[in-house]
C-alpha atoms as a PDB file:
ATOM      1  CA  UNK A   1     -25.751   2.016  20.137  1.00  0.00           C
ATOM      2  CA  UNK A   2     -24.020   3.509  23.187  1.00  0.00           C
ATOM      3  CA  UNK A   3     -25.984   5.197  25.825  1.00  0.00           C
ATOM      4  CA  UNK A   4     -23.446   7.245  27.671  1.00  0.00           C
ATOM      5  CA  UNK A   5     -21.760  10.434  26.453  1.00  0.00           C
ATOM      6  CA  UNK A   6     -18.141   9.203  26.286  1.00  0.00           C
ATOM      7  CA  UNK A   7     -18.774   6.180  24.093  1.00  0.00           C
ATOM      8  CA  UNK A   8     -20.902   8.335  21.729  1.00  0.00           C
ATOM      9  CA  UNK A   9     -18.007  10.877  21.456  1.00  0.00           C
ATOM     10  CA  UNK A  10     -15.594   7.934  20.753  1.00  0.00           C
ATOM     11  CA  UNK A  11     -17.807   6.814  18.013  1.00  0.00           C
ATOM     12  CA  UNK A  12     -17.790  10.269  16.402  1.00  0.00           C
ATOM     13  CA  UNK A  13     -13.998  10.438  16.712  1.00  0.00           C
ATOM     14  CA  UNK A  14     -13.517   6.922  15.243  1.00  0.00           C
ATOM     15  CA  UNK A  15     -15.747   7.774  12.342  1.00  0.00           C
ATOM     16  CA  UNK A  16     -13.798  10.950  11.584  1.00  0.00           C
ATOM     17  CA  UNK A  17     -10.406   9.141  11.891  1.00  0.00           C
ATOM     18  CA  UNK A  18     -11.453   6.286   9.786  1.00  0.00           C
ATOM     19  CA  UNK A  19     -12.629   8.614   6.983  1.00  0.00           C
ATOM     20  CA  UNK A  20      -9.363  10.598   7.067  1.00  0.00           C
ATOM     21  CA  UNK A  21      -7.232   7.357   7.178  1.00  0.00           C
ATOM     22  CA  UNK A  22      -9.156   5.953   4.225  1.00  0.00           C
ATOM     23  CA  UNK A  23      -8.562   9.157   2.291  1.00  0.00           C
ATOM     24  CA  UNK A  24      -4.856   9.094   3.000  1.00  0.00           C
ATOM     25  CA  UNK A  25      -4.437   5.422   2.028  1.00  0.00           C
ATOM     26  CA  UNK A  26      -6.508   5.973  -1.080  1.00  0.00           C
ATOM     27  CA  UNK A  27      -4.276   8.851  -2.150  1.00  0.00           C
ATOM     28  CA  UNK A  28      -1.143   6.812  -1.503  1.00  0.00           C
ATOM     29  CA  UNK A  29      -2.569   3.997  -3.686  1.00  0.00           C
ATOM     30  CA  UNK A  30      -3.415   6.489  -6.464  1.00  0.00           C
ATOM     31  CA  UNK A  31       0.128   7.999  -6.483  1.00  0.00           C
ATOM     32  CA  UNK A  32       1.664   4.546  -6.301  1.00  0.00           C
ATOM     33  CA  UNK A  33      -0.335   3.423  -9.356  1.00  0.00           C
ATOM     34  CA  UNK A  34       0.691   6.567 -11.218  1.00  0.00           C
ATOM     35  CA  UNK A  35       4.431   5.756 -10.562  1.00  0.00           C
ATOM     36  CA  UNK A  36       4.042   2.155 -11.713  1.00  0.00           C
ATOM     37  CA  UNK A  37       2.148   3.045 -14.946  1.00  0.00           C
ATOM     38  CA  UNK A  38       4.388   6.022 -15.809  1.00  0.00           C
ATOM     39  CA  UNK A  39       6.667   5.974 -18.799  1.00  0.00           C
ATOM     40  CA  UNK A  40       8.190   9.356 -18.290  1.00  0.00           C
ATOM     41  CA  UNK A  41      11.137   9.293 -15.792  1.00  0.00           C
ATOM     42  CA  UNK A  42      10.591  13.009 -14.670  1.00  0.00           C
ATOM     43  CA  UNK A  43       6.855  12.423 -14.011  1.00  0.00           C
ATOM     44  CA  UNK A  44       7.672   9.227 -12.065  1.00  0.00           C
ATOM     45  CA  UNK A  45      10.306  10.986  -9.907  1.00  0.00           C
ATOM     46  CA  UNK A  46       7.956  13.774  -9.143  1.00  0.00           C
ATOM     47  CA  UNK A  47       5.262  11.279  -8.221  1.00  0.00           C
ATOM     48  CA  UNK A  48       7.725   9.299  -6.135  1.00  0.00           C
ATOM     49  CA  UNK A  49       8.731  12.421  -4.154  1.00  0.00           C
ATOM     50  CA  UNK A  50       5.049  13.101  -3.408  1.00  0.00           C
ATOM     51  CA  UNK A  51       4.388   9.431  -2.540  1.00  0.00           C
ATOM     52  CA  UNK A  52       7.305   9.240  -0.178  1.00  0.00           C
ATOM     53  CA  UNK A  53       6.211  12.362   1.616  1.00  0.00           C
ATOM     54  CA  UNK A  54       2.565  11.045   1.976  1.00  0.00           C
ATOM     55  CA  UNK A  55       3.839   7.620   3.255  1.00  0.00           C
ATOM     56  CA  UNK A  56       6.146   9.273   5.824  1.00  0.00           C
ATOM     57  CA  UNK A  57       3.343  11.390   7.160  1.00  0.00           C
ATOM     58  CA  UNK A  58       0.887   8.407   7.200  1.00  0.00           C
ATOM     59  CA  UNK A  59       3.540   6.247   9.070  1.00  0.00           C
ATOM     60  CA  UNK A  60       4.215   9.052  11.590  1.00  0.00           C
ATOM     61  CA  UNK A  61       0.434   9.259  12.363  1.00  0.00           C
ATOM     62  CA  UNK A  62       0.167   5.370  12.488  1.00  0.00           C
ATOM     63  CA  UNK A  63      -2.200   5.157   9.496  1.00  0.00           C
ATOM     64  CA  UNK A  64       0.206   2.687   8.007  1.00  0.00           C
ATOM     65  CA  UNK A  65       3.020   0.871   9.658  1.00  0.00           C
ATOM     66  CA  UNK A  66       6.489   2.461   9.354  1.00  0.00           C
ATOM     67  CA  UNK A  67       7.951  -0.761   7.918  1.00  0.00           C
ATOM     68  CA  UNK A  68       5.283  -0.940   5.328  1.00  0.00           C
ATOM     69  CA  UNK A  69       6.029   2.606   4.289  1.00  0.00           C
ATOM     70  CA  UNK A  70       9.775   1.893   4.100  1.00  0.00           C
ATOM     71  CA  UNK A  71       9.283  -1.372   2.143  1.00  0.00           C
ATOM     72  CA  UNK A  72       6.905   0.282  -0.342  1.00  0.00           C
ATOM     73  CA  UNK A  73       9.121   3.341  -0.817  1.00  0.00           C
ATOM     74  CA  UNK A  74      12.103   1.046  -1.484  1.00  0.00           C
ATOM     75  CA  UNK A  75      10.146  -0.900  -4.153  1.00  0.00           C
ATOM     76  CA  UNK A  76       8.995   2.198  -5.815  1.00  0.00           C
ATOM     77  CA  UNK A  77      12.448   3.732  -5.816  1.00  0.00           C
ATOM     78  CA  UNK A  78      13.648   0.648  -7.654  1.00  0.00           C
ATOM     79  CA  UNK A  79      10.945   1.231 -10.286  1.00  0.00           C
ATOM     80  CA  UNK A  80      11.787   4.959 -10.588  1.00  0.00           C
ATOM     81  CA  UNK A  81      15.504   4.234 -10.905  1.00  0.00           C
ATOM     82  CA  UNK A  82      14.963   1.590 -13.489  1.00  0.00           C
ATOM     83  CA  UNK A  83      12.855   3.943 -15.518  1.00  0.00           C
ATOM     84  CA  UNK A  84      15.494   6.704 -15.181  1.00  0.00           C
ATOM     85  CA  UNK A  85      18.187   4.312 -16.355  1.00  0.00           C
ATOM     86  CA  UNK A  86      16.364   3.788 -19.597  1.00  0.00           C
ATOM     87  CA  UNK A  87      16.066   0.695 -21.721  1.00  0.00           C
ATOM     88  CA  UNK A  88      19.022  -1.601 -21.968  1.00  0.00           C
END
């Protein structure tokens, strides 16, 4: 346990940031799961739009790496487009 004031403050800040980051990542995972499990193209497209926005914001704030965000968005876009194309 830190003794000085600045490390104590740093611990408080770290705790707040980690809780916020965990909430953001959890929400991204939930929306991603919703897209992958969706059978309705309109619902999947709406969820994808929300997910892309969340990922962009998370990448901007370094919660997730920007390449990870881009890769995941690309994979989800494939899923949404395949769903929109319909069964062949």
